[in-house]
């Protein structure tokens, strides 16, 4: 003879089984949508290897070097003029001409440094916008061609074109900037930085033909 406890347990199992069976018939299981494909791009690697970005950087560096040369020449000229004014042998007419030169706009305030800084800041910002727009379009083009639904970026100055596994416990600080997406693990083939560089440089090469 079964004990009341055994009989009660058997009845409970039967009720639960019937409930689940009824639920499965009335509420079919929803299909699980498979996750979309994701890729990442090392922005610093791409920009450092993008021919157009390197050309723009070289132009900016040349502008800076040219300004430094002109500024050095002007300061040298001002020192010569000040020395001449202080020299008692300099004629009064020449001193007056020199003093008038020193009061000219751009000389009195130490040269056209402020104007140059504004122009440099504007050119640098335009360069950043142009390069980022190119990288974004290249990422969109690659993603569309390879069925990728999401492309994230990160910045790794030491990147070699593919994600490097970092030892978080190492004495060297983690150099990946955390103001962008920072992957903790990346499977082979997820980092498409070299492919983006190839698209960018190929586009530039085709445009120059």
C-alpha atoms as a PDB file:
ATOM      1  CA  UNK A   1       0.000   0.000   0.000  1.00  0.00           C
ATOM      2  CA  UNK A   2       1.332   3.382  -1.019  1.00  0.00           C
ATOM      3  CA  UNK A   3       1.864   5.952   1.660  1.00  0.00           C
ATOM      4  CA  UNK A   4      -0.154   9.192   1.501  1.00  0.00           C
ATOM      5  CA  UNK A   5       3.124  11.107   0.890  1.00  0.00           C
ATOM      6  CA  UNK A   6       3.998   8.999  -2.160  1.00  0.00           C
ATOM      7  CA  UNK A   7       0.508   9.338  -3.555  1.00  0.00           C
ATOM      8  CA  UNK A   8       0.570  13.108  -3.053  1.00  0.00           C
ATOM      9  CA  UNK A   9       3.947  13.424  -4.763  1.00  0.00           C
ATOM     10  CA  UNK A  10       2.755  11.370  -7.734  1.00  0.00           C
ATOM     11  CA  UNK A  11      -0.318  13.545  -8.114  1.00  0.00           C
ATOM     12  CA  UNK A  12       1.799  16.714  -8.008  1.00  0.00           C
ATOM     13  CA  UNK A  13       4.099  15.407 -10.749  1.00  0.00           C
ATOM     14  CA  UNK A  14       1.058  14.551 -12.879  1.00  0.00           C
ATOM     15  CA  UNK A  15      -0.429  18.049 -12.431  1.00  0.00           C
ATOM     16  CA  UNK A  16       2.867  19.765 -13.354  1.00  0.00           C
ATOM     17  CA  UNK A  17       3.278  17.524 -16.420  1.00  0.00           C
ATOM     18  CA  UNK A  18      -0.266  18.301 -17.597  1.00  0.00           C
ATOM     19  CA  UNK A  19       0.290  22.045 -17.001  1.00  0.00           C
ATOM     20  CA  UNK A  20       3.503  22.092 -19.041  1.00  0.00           C
ATOM     21  CA  UNK A  21       1.923  20.034 -21.805  1.00  0.00           C
ATOM     22  CA  UNK A  22      -1.026  22.417 -22.008  1.00  0.00           C
ATOM     23  CA  UNK A  23       1.269  25.426 -21.965  1.00  0.00           C
ATOM     24  CA  UNK A  24       3.425  24.057 -24.779  1.00  0.00           C
ATOM     25  CA  UNK A  25       0.334  23.596 -26.930  1.00  0.00           C
ATOM     26  CA  UNK A  26      -1.170  27.025 -26.246  1.00  0.00           C
ATOM     27  CA  UNK A  27       2.109  29.004 -26.180  1.00  0.00           C
ATOM     28  CA  UNK A  28       4.480  27.811 -28.878  1.00  0.00           C
ATOM     29  CA  UNK A  29       8.174  28.468 -28.225  1.00  0.00           C
ATOM     30  CA  UNK A  30       9.376  31.630 -29.930  1.00  0.00           C
ATOM     31  CA  UNK A  31      12.155  31.207 -32.441  1.00  0.00           C
ATOM     32  CA  UNK A  32      15.449  32.571 -31.157  1.00  0.00           C
ATOM     33  CA  UNK A  33      16.944  35.139 -33.506  1.00  0.00           C
ATOM     34  CA  UNK A  34      20.597  34.314 -34.095  1.00  0.00           C
ATOM     35  CA  UNK A  35      22.973  37.131 -33.145  1.00  0.00           C
ATOM     36  CA  UNK A  36      24.178  39.319 -35.999  1.00  0.00           C
ATOM     37  CA  UNK A  37      27.766  39.371 -37.147  1.00  0.00           C
ATOM     38  CA  UNK A  38      29.999  41.898 -35.406  1.00  0.00           C
ATOM     39  CA  UNK A  39      33.402  43.308 -36.342  1.00  0.00           C
ATOM     40  CA  UNK A  40      35.822  45.726 -34.702  1.00  0.00           C
ATOM     41  CA  UNK A  41      38.240  48.287 -36.116  1.00  0.00           C
ATOM     42  CA  UNK A  42      41.381  49.710 -34.527  1.00  0.00           C
ATOM     43  CA  UNK A  43      40.938  53.372 -35.441  1.00  0.00           C
ATOM     44  CA  UNK A  44      44.501  54.399 -34.628  1.00  0.00           C
ATOM     45  CA  UNK A  45      45.915  51.596 -36.759  1.00  0.00           C
ATOM     46  CA  UNK A  46      43.657  52.504 -39.682  1.00  0.00           C
ATOM     47  CA  UNK A  47      44.453  56.221 -39.567  1.00  0.00           C
ATOM     48  CA  UNK A  48      48.199  55.634 -39.218  1.00  0.00           C
ATOM     49  CA  UNK A  49      48.145  53.424 -42.309  1.00  0.00           C
ATOM     50  CA  UNK A  50      45.666  55.431 -44.413  1.00  0.00           C
ATOM     51  CA  UNK A  51      47.615  57.199 -47.175  1.00  0.00           C
ATOM     52  CA  UNK A  52      45.289  60.207 -47.267  1.00  0.00           C
ATOM     53  CA  UNK A  53      45.532  60.704 -43.502  1.00  0.00           C
ATOM     54  CA  UNK A  54      49.324  60.458 -43.639  1.00  0.00           C
ATOM     55  CA  UNK A  55      49.431  63.026 -46.473  1.00  0.00           C
ATOM     56  CA  UNK A  56      47.233  65.432 -44.514  1.00  0.00           C
ATOM     57  CA  UNK A  57      49.401  64.943 -41.430  1.00  0.00           C
ATOM     58  CA  UNK A  58      52.523  65.692 -43.463  1.00  0.00           C
ATOM     59  CA  UNK A  59      50.918  68.892 -44.772  1.00  0.00           C
ATOM     60  CA  UNK A  60      50.057  70.009 -41.242  1.00  0.00           C
ATOM     61  CA  UNK A  61      53.572  69.245 -40.017  1.00  0.00           C
ATOM     62  CA  UNK A  62      55.014  71.240 -42.943  1.00  0.00           C
ATOM     63  CA  UNK A  63      52.717  74.167 -42.067  1.00  0.00           C
ATOM     64  CA  UNK A  64      54.012  74.046 -38.489  1.00  0.00           C
ATOM     65  CA  UNK A  65      57.639  73.891 -39.637  1.00  0.00           C
ATOM     66  CA  UNK A  66      57.103  76.800 -42.043  1.00  0.00           C
ATOM     67  CA  UNK A  67      55.490  78.886 -39.316  1.00  0.00           C
ATOM     68  CA  UNK A  68      58.367  78.130 -36.954  1.00  0.00           C
ATOM     69  CA  UNK A  69      60.871  79.246 -39.585  1.00  0.00           C
ATOM     70  CA  UNK A  70      58.972  82.472 -40.256  1.00  0.00           C
ATOM     71  CA  UNK A  71      58.512  83.122 -36.552  1.00  0.00           C
ATOM     72  CA  UNK A  72      62.227  82.578 -35.909  1.00  0.00           C
ATOM     73  CA  UNK A  73      63.149  84.955 -38.740  1.00  0.00           C
ATOM     74  CA  UNK A  74      60.767  87.621 -37.444  1.00  0.00           C
ATOM     75  CA  UNK A  75      62.054  87.393 -33.879  1.00  0.00           C
ATOM     76  CA  UNK A  76      65.621  87.625 -35.126  1.00  0.00           C
ATOM     77  CA  UNK A  77      64.685  90.693 -37.189  1.00  0.00           C
ATOM     78  CA  UNK A  78      62.974  92.310 -34.166  1.00  0.00           C
ATOM     79  CA  UNK A  79      66.077  91.763 -32.017  1.00  0.00           C
ATOM     80  CA  UNK A  80      68.226  93.425 -34.680  1.00  0.00           C
ATOM     81  CA  UNK A  81      65.851  96.397 -34.878  1.00  0.00           C
ATOM     82  CA  UNK A  82      65.708  96.804 -31.082  1.00  0.00           C
ATOM     83  CA  UNK A  83      69.503  96.713 -30.924  1.00  0.00           C
ATOM     84  CA  UNK A  84      69.673  99.333 -33.688  1.00  0.00           C
ATOM     85  CA  UNK A  85      67.222 101.612 -31.871  1.00  0.00           C
ATOM     86  CA  UNK A  86      69.270 101.361 -28.688  1.00  0.00           C
ATOM     87  CA  UNK A  87      72.495 102.076 -30.566  1.00  0.00           C
ATOM     88  CA  UNK A  88      73.348 105.798 -30.221  1.00  0.00           C
ATOM     89  CA  UNK A  89      75.023 105.684 -33.635  1.00  0.00           C
ATOM     90  CA  UNK A  90      71.730 104.954 -35.399  1.00  0.00           C
ATOM     91  CA  UNK A  91      70.322 108.085 -37.071  1.00  0.00           C
ATOM     92  CA  UNK A  92      67.110 109.501 -35.575  1.00  0.00           C
ATOM     93  CA  UNK A  93      65.260 109.090 -38.878  1.00  0.00           C
ATOM     94  CA  UNK A  94      66.184 105.396 -38.998  1.00  0.00           C
ATOM     95  CA  UNK A  95      65.132 104.913 -35.376  1.00  0.00           C
ATOM     96  CA  UNK A  96      61.740 106.466 -36.121  1.00  0.00           C
ATOM     97  CA  UNK A  97      61.276 104.113 -39.061  1.00  0.00           C
ATOM     98  CA  UNK A  98      62.220 101.109 -36.929  1.00  0.00           C
ATOM     99  CA  UNK A  99      59.867 102.154 -34.113  1.00  0.00           C
ATOM    100  CA  UNK A 100      57.042 102.506 -36.614  1.00  0.00           C
ATOM    101  CA  UNK A 101      57.807  98.979 -37.894  1.00  0.00           C
ATOM    102  CA  UNK A 102      57.635  97.569 -34.356  1.00  0.00           C
ATOM    103  CA  UNK A 103      54.148  99.079 -33.891  1.00  0.00           C
ATOM    104  CA  UNK A 104      52.771  97.267 -36.935  1.00  0.00           C
ATOM    105  CA  UNK A 105      49.987  94.710 -36.291  1.00  0.00           C
ATOM    106  CA  UNK A 106      51.502  91.263 -36.041  1.00  0.00           C
ATOM    107  CA  UNK A 107      54.861  92.626 -34.916  1.00  0.00           C
ATOM    108  CA  UNK A 108      53.908  94.488 -31.763  1.00  0.00           C
ATOM    109  CA  UNK A 109      52.137  91.431 -30.358  1.00  0.00           C
ATOM    110  CA  UNK A 110      55.056  89.116 -31.123  1.00  0.00           C
ATOM    111  CA  UNK A 111      54.097  87.857 -34.574  1.00  0.00           C
ATOM    112  CA  UNK A 112      51.106  86.170 -36.231  1.00  0.00           C
ATOM    113  CA  UNK A 113      51.047  83.321 -33.703  1.00  0.00           C
ATOM    114  CA  UNK A 114      47.381  83.643 -32.753  1.00  0.00           C
ATOM    115  CA  UNK A 115      46.214  83.701 -36.370  1.00  0.00           C
ATOM    116  CA  UNK A 116      48.331  80.655 -37.170  1.00  0.00           C
ATOM    117  CA  UNK A 117      46.976  78.703 -34.202  1.00  0.00           C
ATOM    118  CA  UNK A 118      43.398  79.389 -35.288  1.00  0.00           C
ATOM    119  CA  UNK A 119      44.155  78.364 -38.867  1.00  0.00           C
ATOM    120  CA  UNK A 120      45.969  75.226 -37.666  1.00  0.00           C
ATOM    121  CA  UNK A 121      43.112  74.226 -35.370  1.00  0.00           C
ATOM    122  CA  UNK A 122      40.616  74.650 -38.218  1.00  0.00           C
ATOM    123  CA  UNK A 123      42.726  72.614 -40.637  1.00  0.00           C
ATOM    124  CA  UNK A 124      43.292  69.863 -38.056  1.00  0.00           C
ATOM    125  CA  UNK A 125      39.562  69.619 -37.331  1.00  0.00           C
ATOM    126  CA  UNK A 126      38.738  69.448 -41.042  1.00  0.00           C
ATOM    127  CA  UNK A 127      41.316  66.695 -41.448  1.00  0.00           C
ATOM    128  CA  UNK A 128      39.800  64.681 -38.586  1.00  0.00           C
ATOM    129  CA  UNK A 129      36.277  65.014 -39.970  1.00  0.00           C
ATOM    130  CA  UNK A 130      37.359  64.034 -43.499  1.00  0.00           C
ATOM    131  CA  UNK A 131      39.365  61.002 -42.366  1.00  0.00           C
ATOM    132  CA  UNK A 132      36.688  59.754 -39.957  1.00  0.00           C
ATOM    133  CA  UNK A 133      34.031  60.101 -42.662  1.00  0.00           C
ATOM    134  CA  UNK A 134      36.194  58.049 -45.037  1.00  0.00           C
ATOM    135  CA  UNK A 135      36.744  55.343 -42.415  1.00  0.00           C
ATOM    136  CA  UNK A 136      33.027  55.214 -41.629  1.00  0.00           C
ATOM    137  CA  UNK A 137      32.090  54.828 -45.295  1.00  0.00           C
ATOM    138  CA  UNK A 138      34.724  52.119 -45.752  1.00  0.00           C
ATOM    139  CA  UNK A 139      33.373  50.239 -42.722  1.00  0.00           C
ATOM    140  CA  UNK A 140      29.820  50.507 -44.075  1.00  0.00           C
ATOM    141  CA  UNK A 141      30.961  49.222 -47.469  1.00  0.00           C
ATOM    142  CA  UNK A 142      32.827  46.266 -45.971  1.00  0.00           C
ATOM    143  CA  UNK A 143      29.977  45.410 -43.593  1.00  0.00           C
ATOM    144  CA  UNK A 144      27.390  45.450 -46.379  1.00  0.00           C
ATOM    145  CA  UNK A 145      29.541  43.163 -48.528  1.00  0.00           C
ATOM    146  CA  UNK A 146      30.166  40.644 -45.729  1.00  0.00           C
ATOM    147  CA  UNK A 147      26.841  40.524 -43.899  1.00  0.00           C
ATOM    148  CA  UNK A 148      28.114  42.373 -40.833  1.00  0.00           C
ATOM    149  CA  UNK A 149      25.462  44.175 -38.817  1.00  0.00           C
ATOM    150  CA  UNK A 150      27.596  46.043 -36.287  1.00  0.00           C
ATOM    151  CA  UNK A 151      31.098  47.525 -36.506  1.00  0.00           C
ATOM    152  CA  UNK A 152      32.668  48.895 -33.333  1.00  0.00           C
ATOM    153  CA  UNK A 153      35.922  50.821 -32.992  1.00  0.00           C
ATOM    154  CA  UNK A 154      38.698  50.900 -30.408  1.00  0.00           C
ATOM    155  CA  UNK A 155      42.015  52.745 -30.141  1.00  0.00           C
ATOM    156  CA  UNK A 156      45.231  50.837 -29.624  1.00  0.00           C
ATOM    157  CA  UNK A 157      48.419  52.791 -30.413  1.00  0.00           C
ATOM    158  CA  UNK A 158      50.465  49.578 -30.346  1.00  0.00           C
ATOM    159  CA  UNK A 159      48.082  47.653 -32.609  1.00  0.00           C
ATOM    160  CA  UNK A 160      49.631  45.641 -35.427  1.00  0.00           C
ATOM    161  CA  UNK A 161      46.489  45.330 -37.496  1.00  0.00           C
ATOM    162  CA  UNK A 162      44.696  42.727 -35.415  1.00  0.00           C
ATOM    163  CA  UNK A 163      43.478  42.554 -31.842  1.00  0.00           C
ATOM    164  CA  UNK A 164      46.211  41.734 -29.349  1.00  0.00           C
ATOM    165  CA  UNK A 165      45.332  39.805 -26.217  1.00  0.00           C
ATOM    166  CA  UNK A 166      46.407  41.879 -23.200  1.00  0.00           C
ATOM    167  CA  UNK A 167      47.466  40.474 -19.867  1.00  0.00           C
ATOM    168  CA  UNK A 168      45.494  42.617 -17.435  1.00  0.00           C
ATOM    169  CA  UNK A 169      47.643  41.415 -14.565  1.00  0.00           C
ATOM    170  CA  UNK A 170      50.897  42.415 -16.250  1.00  0.00           C
ATOM    171  CA  UNK A 171      52.995  45.250 -14.875  1.00  0.00           C
ATOM    172  CA  UNK A 172      52.600  47.198 -18.134  1.00  0.00           C
ATOM    173  CA  UNK A 173      49.445  49.331 -18.009  1.00  0.00           C
ATOM    174  CA  UNK A 174      46.711  48.533 -20.487  1.00  0.00           C
ATOM    175  CA  UNK A 175      47.260  50.964 -23.349  1.00  0.00           C
ATOM    176  CA  UNK A 176      43.908  50.572 -25.040  1.00  0.00           C
ATOM    177  CA  UNK A 177      41.950  53.783 -24.584  1.00  0.00           C
ATOM    178  CA  UNK A 178      38.716  53.109 -22.745  1.00  0.00           C
ATOM    179  CA  UNK A 179      36.737  55.968 -24.315  1.00  0.00           C
ATOM    180  CA  UNK A 180      35.795  53.585 -27.119  1.00  0.00           C
ATOM    181  CA  UNK A 181      34.650  49.972 -27.217  1.00  0.00           C
ATOM    182  CA  UNK A 182      37.235  47.832 -25.434  1.00  0.00           C
ATOM    183  CA  UNK A 183      36.840  44.134 -26.283  1.00  0.00           C
ATOM    184  CA  UNK A 184      37.791  41.607 -23.620  1.00  0.00           C
ATOM    185  CA  UNK A 185      38.035  38.790 -26.147  1.00  0.00           C
ATOM    186  CA  UNK A 186      38.134  38.816 -29.926  1.00  0.00           C
ATOM    187  CA  UNK A 187      37.902  35.707 -32.086  1.00  0.00           C
ATOM    188  CA  UNK A 188      40.188  35.452 -35.127  1.00  0.00           C
ATOM    189  CA  UNK A 189      38.822  37.352 -38.096  1.00  0.00           C
ATOM    190  CA  UNK A 190      36.675  39.762 -36.083  1.00  0.00           C
ATOM    191  CA  UNK A 191      39.198  42.613 -36.289  1.00  0.00           C
ATOM    192  CA  UNK A 192      38.877  43.994 -39.840  1.00  0.00           C
ATOM    193  CA  UNK A 193      41.320  46.908 -39.478  1.00  0.00           C
ATOM    194  CA  UNK A 194      43.658  45.766 -42.306  1.00  0.00           C
ATOM    195  CA  UNK A 195      40.707  45.268 -44.632  1.00  0.00           C
ATOM    196  CA  UNK A 196      39.464  48.807 -43.939  1.00  0.00           C
ATOM    197  CA  UNK A 197      42.924  50.233 -44.667  1.00  0.00           C
ATOM    198  CA  UNK A 198      42.988  48.315 -47.960  1.00  0.00           C
ATOM    199  CA  UNK A 199      39.584  49.718 -48.983  1.00  0.00           C
ATOM    200  CA  UNK A 200      40.599  53.285 -48.102  1.00  0.00           C
ATOM    201  CA  UNK A 201      43.903  53.185 -49.947  1.00  0.00           C
ATOM    202  CA  UNK A 202      42.366  51.404 -52.929  1.00  0.00           C
ATOM    203  CA  UNK A 203      39.706  54.133 -53.178  1.00  0.00           C
ATOM    204  CA  UNK A 204      42.362  56.858 -53.093  1.00  0.00           C
ATOM    205  CA  UNK A 205      44.435  55.071 -55.725  1.00  0.00           C
ATOM    206  CA  UNK A 206      41.413  54.788 -58.039  1.00  0.00           C
ATOM    207  CA  UNK A 207      40.540  58.468 -57.573  1.00  0.00           C
ATOM    208  CA  UNK A 208      44.053  59.600 -58.535  1.00  0.00           C
ATOM    209  CA  UNK A 209      44.076  57.645 -61.805  1.00  0.00           C
END
